[in-house]
N, C-alpha and C. Protein backbone atom coordinates (compact mmCIF):
# COMPACT_ATOMS: atom_id res chain seq x y z
N MET A 1 140.67 175.27 61.47
CA MET A 1 140.08 174.24 61.96
C MET A 1 138.82 174.24 61.52
N ALA A 2 138.26 172.70 61.29
CA ALA A 2 137.11 172.69 60.88
C ALA A 2 135.76 172.80 62.07
N GLU A 3 134.78 173.04 61.63
CA GLU A 3 133.52 173.06 62.58
C GLU A 3 132.73 171.99 62.15
N GLU A 4 132.21 170.97 62.84
CA GLU A 4 131.32 169.74 62.34
C GLU A 4 130.00 170.23 62.69
N LEU A 5 129.23 169.84 61.71
CA LEU A 5 127.82 169.97 61.47
C LEU A 5 127.16 168.66 62.00
N GLY A 6 127.56 167.97 62.20
CA GLY A 6 127.04 166.56 62.42
C GLY A 6 126.92 165.35 61.62
N THR A 7 126.73 164.21 61.92
CA THR A 7 126.23 163.15 61.24
C THR A 7 125.04 163.00 60.69
N TRP A 8 124.82 163.02 59.48
CA TRP A 8 123.60 162.71 58.64
C TRP A 8 123.39 161.57 57.82
N PRO A 9 122.10 161.11 57.82
CA PRO A 9 121.86 160.07 56.77
C PRO A 9 122.16 160.64 55.37
N ALA A 10 122.63 159.77 54.36
CA ALA A 10 123.24 160.00 53.18
C ALA A 10 122.14 160.74 52.45
N GLU A 11 120.72 160.94 52.47
CA GLU A 11 119.91 161.62 51.91
C GLU A 11 119.79 163.00 52.37
N GLN A 12 120.06 163.25 53.37
CA GLN A 12 119.80 164.55 54.17
C GLN A 12 121.03 165.13 53.95
N ALA A 13 122.22 164.24 53.98
CA ALA A 13 123.71 165.22 53.91
C ALA A 13 123.77 165.52 52.50
N THR A 14 123.10 165.01 51.48
CA THR A 14 123.07 165.44 50.06
C THR A 14 122.62 166.81 50.00
N VAL A 15 121.30 166.84 50.61
CA VAL A 15 120.67 168.16 50.55
C VAL A 15 121.32 169.13 51.58
N LEU A 16 121.82 168.88 52.36
CA LEU A 16 122.80 169.80 53.28
C LEU A 16 123.97 170.29 52.54
N LEU A 17 124.69 169.65 51.80
CA LEU A 17 125.77 170.09 51.06
C LEU A 17 125.29 170.81 50.06
N GLU A 18 124.06 170.73 49.47
CA GLU A 18 123.42 171.66 48.35
C GLU A 18 123.49 172.85 48.89
N VAL A 19 122.84 172.73 49.98
CA VAL A 19 122.23 174.14 50.67
C VAL A 19 123.36 175.15 50.72
N LEU A 20 124.61 174.23 51.55
CA LEU A 20 125.67 174.82 52.03
C LEU A 20 126.52 175.63 50.73
N GLN A 21 126.39 174.60 49.82
CA GLN A 21 127.38 175.15 48.59
C GLN A 21 126.38 176.39 47.87
N GLN A 22 125.09 176.50 47.92
CA GLN A 22 124.31 177.43 47.16
C GLN A 22 124.53 178.77 47.99
N ALA A 23 124.72 178.35 49.22
CA ALA A 23 125.16 179.56 50.20
C ALA A 23 126.39 180.28 50.22
N GLY A 24 127.50 179.88 49.46
CA GLY A 24 128.80 180.08 48.99
C GLY A 24 129.73 179.64 49.85
N LEU A 25 129.44 178.69 50.73
CA LEU A 25 130.29 177.96 51.81
C LEU A 25 130.98 176.93 51.11
N ASP A 26 131.93 176.31 52.00
CA ASP A 26 132.85 175.33 51.43
C ASP A 26 132.77 174.26 52.29
N PRO A 27 131.59 173.34 52.11
CA PRO A 27 131.11 172.27 53.00
C PRO A 27 132.15 171.22 52.70
N ASP A 28 132.72 170.13 53.88
CA ASP A 28 133.34 168.73 53.41
C ASP A 28 132.44 167.76 54.34
N ALA A 29 132.42 166.59 53.19
CA ALA A 29 131.77 165.53 53.59
C ALA A 29 132.84 164.31 53.89
N LYS A 30 132.62 163.47 54.77
CA LYS A 30 133.15 162.02 55.02
C LYS A 30 132.14 160.88 55.45
N ARG A 31 132.27 159.73 54.75
CA ARG A 31 131.26 158.73 55.23
C ARG A 31 131.98 157.92 56.07
N THR A 32 131.05 157.86 57.21
CA THR A 32 131.36 156.75 58.51
C THR A 32 130.33 155.69 58.38
N LYS A 33 130.71 155.10 59.42
CA LYS A 33 129.85 153.60 59.64
C LYS A 33 128.27 154.40 60.04
N ASP A 34 128.32 155.38 60.72
CA ASP A 34 127.02 156.07 61.25
C ASP A 34 126.30 156.78 60.02
N GLY A 35 126.95 157.26 58.97
CA GLY A 35 126.23 158.17 58.15
C GLY A 35 127.26 158.87 57.53
N VAL A 36 126.84 160.12 57.13
CA VAL A 36 128.05 161.35 56.55
C VAL A 36 128.16 162.34 57.35
N LEU A 37 129.50 162.47 57.97
CA LEU A 37 129.80 163.50 58.42
C LEU A 37 130.11 164.84 57.87
N VAL A 38 129.44 165.98 58.22
CA VAL A 38 129.47 167.14 57.36
C VAL A 38 130.24 168.10 58.06
N SER A 39 131.12 168.98 57.91
CA SER A 39 131.93 169.80 58.24
C SER A 39 132.16 171.11 57.60
N VAL A 40 132.41 172.31 58.24
CA VAL A 40 132.85 173.65 57.33
C VAL A 40 133.78 174.05 57.84
N PRO A 41 134.70 175.05 57.38
CA PRO A 41 135.90 175.72 58.00
C PRO A 41 135.34 176.42 59.08
N ALA A 42 135.99 176.69 60.42
CA ALA A 42 135.68 177.55 61.45
C ALA A 42 134.93 178.92 61.13
N ASP A 43 135.49 179.55 60.08
CA ASP A 43 135.22 180.93 60.12
C ASP A 43 133.82 180.87 59.22
N GLN A 44 133.32 179.85 58.58
CA GLN A 44 132.03 179.85 58.00
C GLN A 44 130.76 179.00 58.86
N SER A 45 131.16 178.67 60.25
CA SER A 45 130.42 177.96 60.84
C SER A 45 129.01 178.60 61.33
N ASP A 46 129.23 180.12 61.56
CA ASP A 46 128.04 180.84 61.98
C ASP A 46 127.02 180.89 60.80
N GLU A 47 127.55 181.23 59.76
CA GLU A 47 126.54 181.09 58.34
C GLU A 47 126.13 179.63 58.16
N ALA A 48 126.95 179.07 58.21
CA ALA A 48 126.75 177.21 57.88
C ALA A 48 125.33 177.16 59.13
N HIS A 49 125.52 177.42 60.26
CA HIS A 49 124.43 177.15 61.04
C HIS A 49 122.94 177.91 60.79
N ARG A 50 123.28 178.96 60.27
CA ARG A 50 122.01 179.90 59.70
C ARG A 50 121.48 179.04 58.65
N GLN A 51 122.04 178.70 57.52
CA GLN A 51 121.65 177.70 56.43
C GLN A 51 120.93 176.54 57.06
N LEU A 52 121.48 175.98 57.70
CA LEU A 52 120.99 174.60 58.42
C LEU A 52 119.73 174.92 58.91
N VAL A 53 119.52 176.04 59.89
CA VAL A 53 118.25 176.33 60.45
C VAL A 53 117.21 176.68 59.50
N ALA A 54 117.54 177.43 58.62
CA ALA A 54 116.70 178.14 57.58
C ALA A 54 116.22 177.13 56.47
N ASN A 55 116.94 176.13 56.19
CA ASN A 55 116.68 175.17 55.54
C ASN A 55 116.31 173.83 55.97
N MET A 56 115.80 173.75 57.37
CA MET A 56 115.76 172.43 58.02
C MET A 56 114.58 171.74 57.21
N ASP A 57 113.28 172.26 56.74
CA ASP A 57 112.38 171.62 56.47
C ASP A 57 112.75 170.70 55.14
N GLN A 58 113.41 171.58 54.26
CA GLN A 58 114.06 170.81 53.17
C GLN A 58 114.77 169.74 53.29
N ILE A 59 115.88 169.81 54.25
CA ILE A 59 116.67 168.90 54.92
C ILE A 59 115.81 167.47 55.24
N ALA A 60 114.77 167.99 56.13
CA ALA A 60 113.87 166.84 56.94
C ALA A 60 113.06 166.18 55.92
N LYS A 61 112.56 166.60 54.71
CA LYS A 61 111.72 166.38 53.69
C LYS A 61 112.53 165.13 52.98
N ALA A 62 114.00 165.33 52.89
CA ALA A 62 114.88 164.63 52.28
C ALA A 62 115.11 163.25 52.72
N ALA A 63 114.64 163.14 54.02
CA ALA A 63 114.67 161.84 54.90
C ALA A 63 113.08 161.07 54.51
N ARG A 64 112.12 161.79 54.11
CA ARG A 64 111.15 160.94 54.06
C ARG A 64 110.90 160.66 52.59
N GLN A 65 111.31 160.93 51.65
CA GLN A 65 111.63 160.76 50.30
C GLN A 65 111.83 159.24 50.01
N PRO A 66 111.07 158.74 48.89
CA PRO A 66 111.33 157.27 48.97
C PRO A 66 112.80 157.06 48.31
N LYS A 67 113.57 156.04 48.93
CA LYS A 67 114.96 155.70 48.28
C LYS A 67 115.20 155.44 47.02
N ALA A 68 114.33 154.29 46.61
CA ALA A 68 114.27 153.92 45.40
C ALA A 68 113.34 154.29 44.43
N SER A 69 113.76 154.28 43.16
CA SER A 69 112.97 154.55 42.05
C SER A 69 112.48 153.24 41.45
N GLY A 70 111.29 153.13 40.81
CA GLY A 70 110.70 152.11 39.92
C GLY A 70 109.65 151.96 41.02
N PRO A 71 109.15 150.66 40.78
CA PRO A 71 107.68 150.00 41.24
C PRO A 71 108.16 149.94 42.67
N PRO A 72 107.04 150.00 43.36
CA PRO A 72 107.09 149.60 44.86
C PRO A 72 107.45 148.26 45.21
N ARG A 73 108.03 148.21 46.31
CA ARG A 73 108.55 146.96 46.69
C ARG A 73 107.43 145.76 46.49
N SER A 74 106.09 146.14 46.62
CA SER A 74 105.27 144.88 46.60
C SER A 74 104.90 144.59 45.31
N ALA A 75 105.20 145.63 44.55
CA ALA A 75 104.99 145.08 42.95
C ALA A 75 106.25 144.78 42.08
N ARG A 76 107.25 144.41 42.69
CA ARG A 76 108.54 143.92 42.02
C ARG A 76 108.44 142.56 42.07
N LYS A 77 109.10 141.84 41.15
CA LYS A 77 109.02 140.29 40.84
C LYS A 77 110.27 139.88 41.72
N VAL A 78 109.42 138.94 42.72
CA VAL A 78 110.52 138.15 43.45
C VAL A 78 111.35 137.04 42.68
N ARG A 79 112.61 137.05 42.62
CA ARG A 79 113.06 135.73 42.24
C ARG A 79 113.34 134.77 43.18
N PRO A 80 113.02 133.51 43.02
CA PRO A 80 113.52 132.47 43.95
C PRO A 80 114.82 132.09 43.95
N VAL A 81 115.43 131.88 45.21
CA VAL A 81 116.59 131.61 45.59
C VAL A 81 116.76 129.85 45.85
N LYS A 82 117.86 129.74 44.58
CA LYS A 82 118.12 128.40 44.77
C LYS A 82 118.56 127.38 45.85
N GLY A 83 117.79 126.56 46.51
CA GLY A 83 118.07 125.75 47.67
C GLY A 83 117.20 126.39 48.80
N ALA A 84 116.50 127.41 48.61
CA ALA A 84 115.61 128.28 49.41
C ALA A 84 114.26 127.55 49.67
N ASP A 85 113.49 127.77 50.75
CA ASP A 85 112.31 127.24 50.88
C ASP A 85 111.39 128.38 50.31
N ASN A 86 111.02 128.29 48.79
CA ASN A 86 110.30 129.47 48.43
C ASN A 86 108.87 129.13 48.51
N GLU A 87 108.47 128.12 49.10
CA GLU A 87 106.69 127.99 49.32
C GLU A 87 105.88 129.28 49.82
N PRO A 88 104.93 129.40 49.00
CA PRO A 88 104.12 130.43 49.57
C PRO A 88 103.53 130.12 51.12
N GLU A 89 103.13 131.07 51.91
CA GLU A 89 102.65 130.71 53.21
C GLU A 89 101.08 130.06 52.92
N LYS A 90 100.83 129.03 53.65
CA LYS A 90 99.57 128.20 53.65
C LYS A 90 98.63 128.59 54.79
N SER A 91 97.53 128.51 54.39
CA SER A 91 96.75 128.83 55.60
C SER A 91 96.59 127.67 56.52
N PRO A 92 95.92 127.51 57.75
CA PRO A 92 95.71 126.37 58.25
C PRO A 92 94.75 125.22 57.74
N GLN A 93 93.88 125.77 57.19
CA GLN A 93 92.93 124.90 56.50
C GLN A 93 93.72 124.20 55.39
N GLN A 94 94.52 124.79 54.70
CA GLN A 94 95.33 123.95 53.66
C GLN A 94 96.22 123.14 54.26
N MET A 95 97.03 123.36 55.21
CA MET A 95 97.82 122.46 55.78
C MET A 95 97.18 121.32 56.36
N ALA A 96 95.91 121.23 56.90
CA ALA A 96 95.18 120.30 57.37
C ALA A 96 94.88 119.38 56.38
N SER A 97 94.19 119.84 55.46
CA SER A 97 94.00 119.35 54.16
C SER A 97 95.00 118.58 53.66
N GLU A 98 96.24 119.10 53.55
CA GLU A 98 97.58 118.28 52.96
C GLU A 98 97.66 117.30 53.91
N ARG A 99 97.57 117.45 55.38
CA ARG A 99 97.82 115.97 56.37
C ARG A 99 96.67 115.17 55.90
N LEU A 100 95.39 115.12 55.91
CA LEU A 100 94.31 114.37 55.50
C LEU A 100 94.98 113.73 54.30
N THR A 101 95.34 114.44 53.27
CA THR A 101 95.70 113.74 52.22
C THR A 101 96.89 112.73 52.23
N ARG A 102 97.90 112.81 53.15
CA ARG A 102 98.93 112.12 53.19
C ARG A 102 98.45 110.97 53.76
N ILE A 103 97.78 110.84 54.75
CA ILE A 103 97.45 109.79 55.36
C ILE A 103 96.08 109.15 55.17
N ALA A 104 95.35 109.49 54.01
CA ALA A 104 94.16 108.88 53.15
C ALA A 104 94.60 107.30 52.73
N LYS A 105 95.70 107.27 52.23
CA LYS A 105 96.19 105.88 51.61
C LYS A 105 96.24 104.92 52.59
N PRO A 106 97.07 105.18 53.55
CA PRO A 106 97.50 104.16 54.44
C PRO A 106 96.13 103.70 55.17
N VAL A 107 95.20 104.76 55.55
CA VAL A 107 94.04 104.57 56.45
C VAL A 107 93.10 103.46 55.48
N ALA A 108 93.01 103.89 54.16
CA ALA A 108 92.18 103.03 53.13
C ALA A 108 92.83 101.65 53.25
N LEU A 109 94.15 101.60 53.25
CA LEU A 109 94.81 100.22 53.15
C LEU A 109 94.52 99.16 54.24
N VAL A 110 94.63 99.97 55.56
CA VAL A 110 94.34 99.35 56.56
C VAL A 110 93.02 98.95 56.94
N LEU A 111 92.01 99.92 56.48
CA LEU A 111 90.40 99.56 56.44
C LEU A 111 90.26 98.12 55.74
N GLY A 112 90.98 98.39 54.54
CA GLY A 112 90.75 97.18 53.60
C GLY A 112 91.23 95.91 53.83
N ALA A 113 92.42 95.84 54.74
CA ALA A 113 92.96 94.69 54.85
C ALA A 113 92.03 94.22 56.09
N LEU A 114 91.56 94.99 57.04
CA LEU A 114 90.66 94.65 58.07
C LEU A 114 89.32 93.91 57.59
N LEU A 115 89.18 94.39 56.35
CA LEU A 115 87.78 93.86 55.93
C LEU A 115 88.20 92.59 55.26
N LEU A 116 88.99 92.41 54.51
CA LEU A 116 89.54 91.42 53.81
C LEU A 116 89.79 90.06 55.07
N LEU A 117 90.55 90.46 56.20
CA LEU A 117 90.67 89.59 57.24
C LEU A 117 89.18 89.16 58.01
N GLY A 118 88.18 90.01 57.80
CA GLY A 118 86.92 89.73 58.70
C GLY A 118 86.21 88.58 57.45
N LEU A 119 86.45 89.14 56.23
CA LEU A 119 85.74 87.85 55.33
C LEU A 119 86.49 86.70 55.41
N LEU A 120 87.71 86.55 55.49
CA LEU A 120 88.44 85.33 55.27
C LEU A 120 88.29 84.64 56.79
N THR A 121 88.11 85.13 57.53
CA THR A 121 87.91 84.20 58.92
C THR A 121 86.68 83.66 59.10
N ARG A 122 85.90 83.76 58.18
CA ARG A 122 84.64 82.68 58.28
C ARG A 122 84.83 81.54 57.48
N PHE A 123 85.75 81.10 56.75
CA PHE A 123 86.21 80.22 56.23
C PHE A 123 87.29 79.30 56.99
N PRO A 124 87.12 77.54 56.96
CA PRO A 124 88.23 77.14 57.48
C PRO A 124 89.62 77.57 56.78
N GLY A 125 90.68 77.76 57.30
CA GLY A 125 92.03 77.89 56.84
C GLY A 125 92.20 79.72 56.33
N GLY A 126 91.04 80.42 56.96
CA GLY A 126 90.86 81.95 56.25
C GLY A 126 91.70 82.52 57.11
N PRO A 127 92.16 82.32 58.51
CA PRO A 127 92.98 83.45 58.88
C PRO A 127 94.37 83.42 58.60
N LEU A 128 94.84 82.22 58.32
CA LEU A 128 96.25 81.95 57.98
C LEU A 128 96.22 82.60 56.46
N LEU A 129 95.14 82.25 55.63
CA LEU A 129 95.13 82.76 54.17
C LEU A 129 95.34 84.46 54.51
N GLY A 130 94.42 85.13 55.23
CA GLY A 130 94.13 86.45 55.46
C GLY A 130 95.56 87.09 55.71
N ILE A 131 96.26 86.61 56.80
CA ILE A 131 97.65 86.81 57.35
C ILE A 131 98.50 87.15 56.00
N ILE A 132 98.49 86.02 55.11
CA ILE A 132 99.51 85.88 54.15
C ILE A 132 99.27 86.84 53.14
N VAL A 133 97.91 87.16 52.81
CA VAL A 133 97.62 87.93 51.65
C VAL A 133 97.97 89.52 52.22
N VAL A 134 97.33 90.02 53.50
CA VAL A 134 97.85 91.47 54.04
C VAL A 134 99.11 91.19 54.04
N GLY A 135 100.04 90.28 54.64
CA GLY A 135 101.53 90.73 54.48
C GLY A 135 102.03 90.64 53.23
N GLY A 136 101.55 89.93 52.21
CA GLY A 136 102.14 90.32 50.86
C GLY A 136 101.64 91.62 50.38
N LEU A 137 100.35 92.16 50.81
CA LEU A 137 100.14 93.59 50.49
C LEU A 137 101.21 94.63 50.94
N VAL A 138 101.39 94.26 52.22
CA VAL A 138 102.29 95.23 52.61
C VAL A 138 103.76 95.22 52.01
N TYR A 139 104.13 93.97 51.90
CA TYR A 139 105.24 94.09 51.15
C TYR A 139 105.56 94.54 49.94
N PHE A 140 104.79 94.29 48.89
CA PHE A 140 104.63 94.76 47.65
C PHE A 140 104.38 96.43 47.68
N ILE A 141 103.73 96.96 48.59
CA ILE A 141 103.20 98.52 48.77
C ILE A 141 104.64 99.11 49.04
N GLY A 142 105.32 98.33 50.36
CA GLY A 142 106.53 98.79 50.88
C GLY A 142 107.63 98.98 49.66
N LYS A 143 107.75 97.62 48.82
CA LYS A 143 108.78 97.76 47.65
C LYS A 143 108.31 98.96 46.64
N ARG A 144 107.15 99.05 46.33
CA ARG A 144 106.79 100.08 45.38
C ARG A 144 107.07 101.37 45.84
N ALA A 145 107.01 101.79 47.01
CA ALA A 145 107.40 102.94 47.81
C ALA A 145 108.96 103.34 47.82
N GLN A 146 109.70 102.39 48.20
CA GLN A 146 110.95 102.34 47.92
C GLN A 146 111.61 102.61 46.63
N GLN A 147 111.07 102.09 45.53
CA GLN A 147 111.52 102.31 44.28
C GLN A 147 110.99 103.74 44.07
N ARG A 148 110.04 104.15 44.15
CA ARG A 148 109.79 105.52 43.98
C ARG A 148 110.40 106.80 44.66
N GLY A 149 111.39 106.18 45.54
CA GLY A 149 112.08 107.10 46.57
C GLY A 149 111.41 107.22 47.63
N GLY A 150 110.62 106.75 48.21
CA GLY A 150 110.01 106.76 49.52
C GLY A 150 110.92 106.55 50.67
N ASP A 151 110.63 107.18 51.87
CA ASP A 151 111.50 107.21 52.97
C ASP A 151 111.15 105.32 53.79
N ASP A 152 111.87 104.85 53.76
CA ASP A 152 111.73 103.69 54.59
C ASP A 152 112.11 103.41 55.95
N GLY A 153 112.11 104.59 56.48
CA GLY A 153 112.25 104.60 57.88
C GLY A 153 113.69 104.54 58.45
N ARG A 154 114.77 104.18 57.65
CA ARG A 154 116.13 103.83 58.13
C ARG A 154 116.86 105.22 57.85
N ASP A 155 117.60 105.51 58.58
CA ASP A 155 118.65 106.53 58.53
C ASP A 155 119.90 106.07 57.90
N GLY A 156 121.02 107.04 57.12
CA GLY A 156 122.00 106.56 56.85
C GLY A 156 122.42 105.78 55.41
N PRO A 157 123.14 105.53 55.06
CA PRO A 157 123.60 105.19 53.77
C PRO A 157 122.81 103.88 53.66
N ARG A 158 122.44 103.55 52.01
CA ARG A 158 121.69 102.43 51.95
C ARG A 158 122.66 101.58 51.19
């Protein structure tokens, strides 16, 4: 019958198995979902416990050692995943600047249209001409946005 020494993380189980083998014991290891189950024959259990206690520092040290070799995780090159949102984090100031840049053109167009309407209303027939000019501007700007692939506000197939 076998005596279980417990379930260990893989790094620690490796060191424990080496220690037990160096002591002349016959350990057995089985991988489980919780880790590695280490056991020894029942007649070797007392010696296995002594070796375990005597080498506990070495076994514990194995858990603290870095698992991966090579450059640290922060120095590794990150590959973008196709279809994922891989944009770097932006500061609130950058996000505010982008929002202002997005609305700058529409605000400039509205102000220009109001200025044009103001100038044209001073002449007879000016208000009608102003409305036609502003309507034409809105129409042509909207057409250009559609041709570039801009959103026209409709959902569904076109």
